[in-house]
Protein backbone atom coordinates (compact mmCIF):
# COMPACT_ATOMS: atom_id res chain seq x y z
CA MET A 1 56.26 149.68 183.08
CA GLY A 2 57.54 153.00 181.67
CA LEU A 3 58.27 154.44 185.11
CA PHE A 4 60.12 151.27 186.07
CA LEU A 5 62.36 151.48 183.00
CA PHE A 6 63.00 155.18 183.60
CA LEU A 7 63.97 154.63 187.24
CA PHE A 8 66.01 151.55 186.39
CA GLY A 9 67.81 153.61 183.75
CA LEU A 10 68.70 156.23 186.36
CA ILE A 11 70.12 153.57 188.66
CA ILE A 12 72.14 151.99 185.84
CA GLU A 13 73.43 155.41 184.74
CA PHE A 14 74.57 156.09 188.30
CA ALA A 15 76.16 152.61 188.55
CA PHE A 16 78.22 153.24 185.41
CA LYS A 17 79.71 156.34 187.03
CA THR A 18 80.84 154.70 190.26
CA PHE A 19 84.53 154.38 191.04
CA LYS A 20 84.16 150.61 191.51
CA PHE A 21 82.63 150.11 188.06
CA ILE A 22 85.19 152.34 186.35
CA GLU A 23 88.01 150.44 188.07
CA SER A 24 86.51 147.12 186.92
CA LEU A 25 86.66 148.38 183.32
CA LYS A 26 90.43 148.75 183.58
CA THR A 27 90.82 144.98 183.77
CA VAL A 28 88.86 144.23 180.57
CA THR A 29 89.52 147.18 178.25
CA PHE A 30 92.32 147.22 175.73
CA GLY A 31 93.97 149.85 173.56
CA ILE A 32 95.99 152.97 174.20
CA ARG A 33 95.14 156.40 175.61
CA ASN A 34 91.59 157.46 174.75
CA GLY A 35 91.18 154.65 172.23
CA LYS A 36 90.11 152.08 174.83
CA SER A 37 87.79 149.30 173.67
CA ILE A 38 85.84 146.50 175.29
CA SER A 39 84.30 143.47 173.65
CA PHE A 40 80.56 142.91 173.85
CA LYS A 41 81.13 139.66 175.73
CA GLU A 42 83.45 141.28 178.29
CA PHE A 43 80.98 144.11 178.82
CA GLY A 44 78.15 141.60 179.29
CA ASP A 45 80.18 139.75 181.90
CA LEU A 46 80.71 142.86 184.06
CA LYS A 47 78.85 142.81 187.36
CA LEU A 48 76.62 145.70 188.37
CA ASN A 49 75.44 146.04 191.93
CA TYR A 50 71.91 147.34 192.23
CA PRO A 51 69.07 146.79 194.69
CA SER A 52 66.87 143.84 193.82
CA ASP A 53 63.86 145.26 195.67
CA ILE A 54 61.73 147.28 193.22
CA ASN A 55 60.57 149.67 195.95
CA GLU A 56 64.15 150.51 196.86
CA GLN A 57 64.97 151.01 193.18
CA GLN A 58 62.03 153.39 192.84
CA LYS A 59 63.06 155.36 195.92
CA ILE A 60 66.65 155.67 194.70
CA GLY A 61 65.55 156.60 191.20
CA SER A 62 63.09 159.18 192.52
CA PHE A 63 65.78 160.66 194.76
CA PHE A 64 68.19 161.11 191.86
CA LYS A 65 65.45 162.51 189.62
CA GLN A 66 64.51 165.04 192.31
CA LEU A 67 68.17 165.91 192.83
CA ASP A 68 68.64 166.42 189.09
CA ASP A 69 65.54 168.64 188.93
CA THR A 70 66.79 170.70 191.88
CA ILE A 71 70.18 171.19 190.25
CA THR A 72 68.50 172.28 187.01
CA LEU A 73 66.35 174.82 188.87
CA HIS A 74 69.36 176.25 190.65
CA GLN A 75 71.28 176.49 187.38
CA ARG A 76 68.42 178.44 185.84
CA LYS A 77 68.24 180.71 188.88
CA LEU A 78 72.00 181.33 188.67
CA GLU A 79 71.73 182.22 184.98
CA LYS A 80 68.94 184.72 185.73
CA LEU A 81 70.94 186.27 188.57
CA GLN A 82 74.00 186.57 186.35
CA GLU A 83 71.91 188.36 183.72
CA LEU A 84 70.49 190.66 186.41
CA LYS A 85 74.00 191.43 187.67
CA LYS A 86 75.12 192.19 184.13
CA GLY A 87 72.19 194.60 183.70
CA TYR A 88 72.91 196.40 186.99
CA LEU A 89 76.60 196.75 186.13
CA GLN A 90 75.71 198.26 182.78
CA LYS A 91 73.37 200.73 184.50
CA MET A 92 76.05 201.68 187.03
CA PHE A 93 78.73 202.44 184.47
CA CYS A 94 76.67 204.10 181.71
């Protein structure tokens, strides 16, 4: 059950970031500027589209998890390369 909740959480997190969901919030939020609010009832009434097939949910969740892991690895590699560059530049100009 833990894996299911993890993957479902990834799908829900992605759904909250979609343009369609964000646009739907505009019709039910109130307030000014960054002080927007939404009632618990209004939030509960919002519709989220997600696949009902558990296998499809797992595949989507796994895809996004793998994508996130790949991005993290590339970020670490970039940081190491930037440090290496900094070291070489210091050697060149000392």
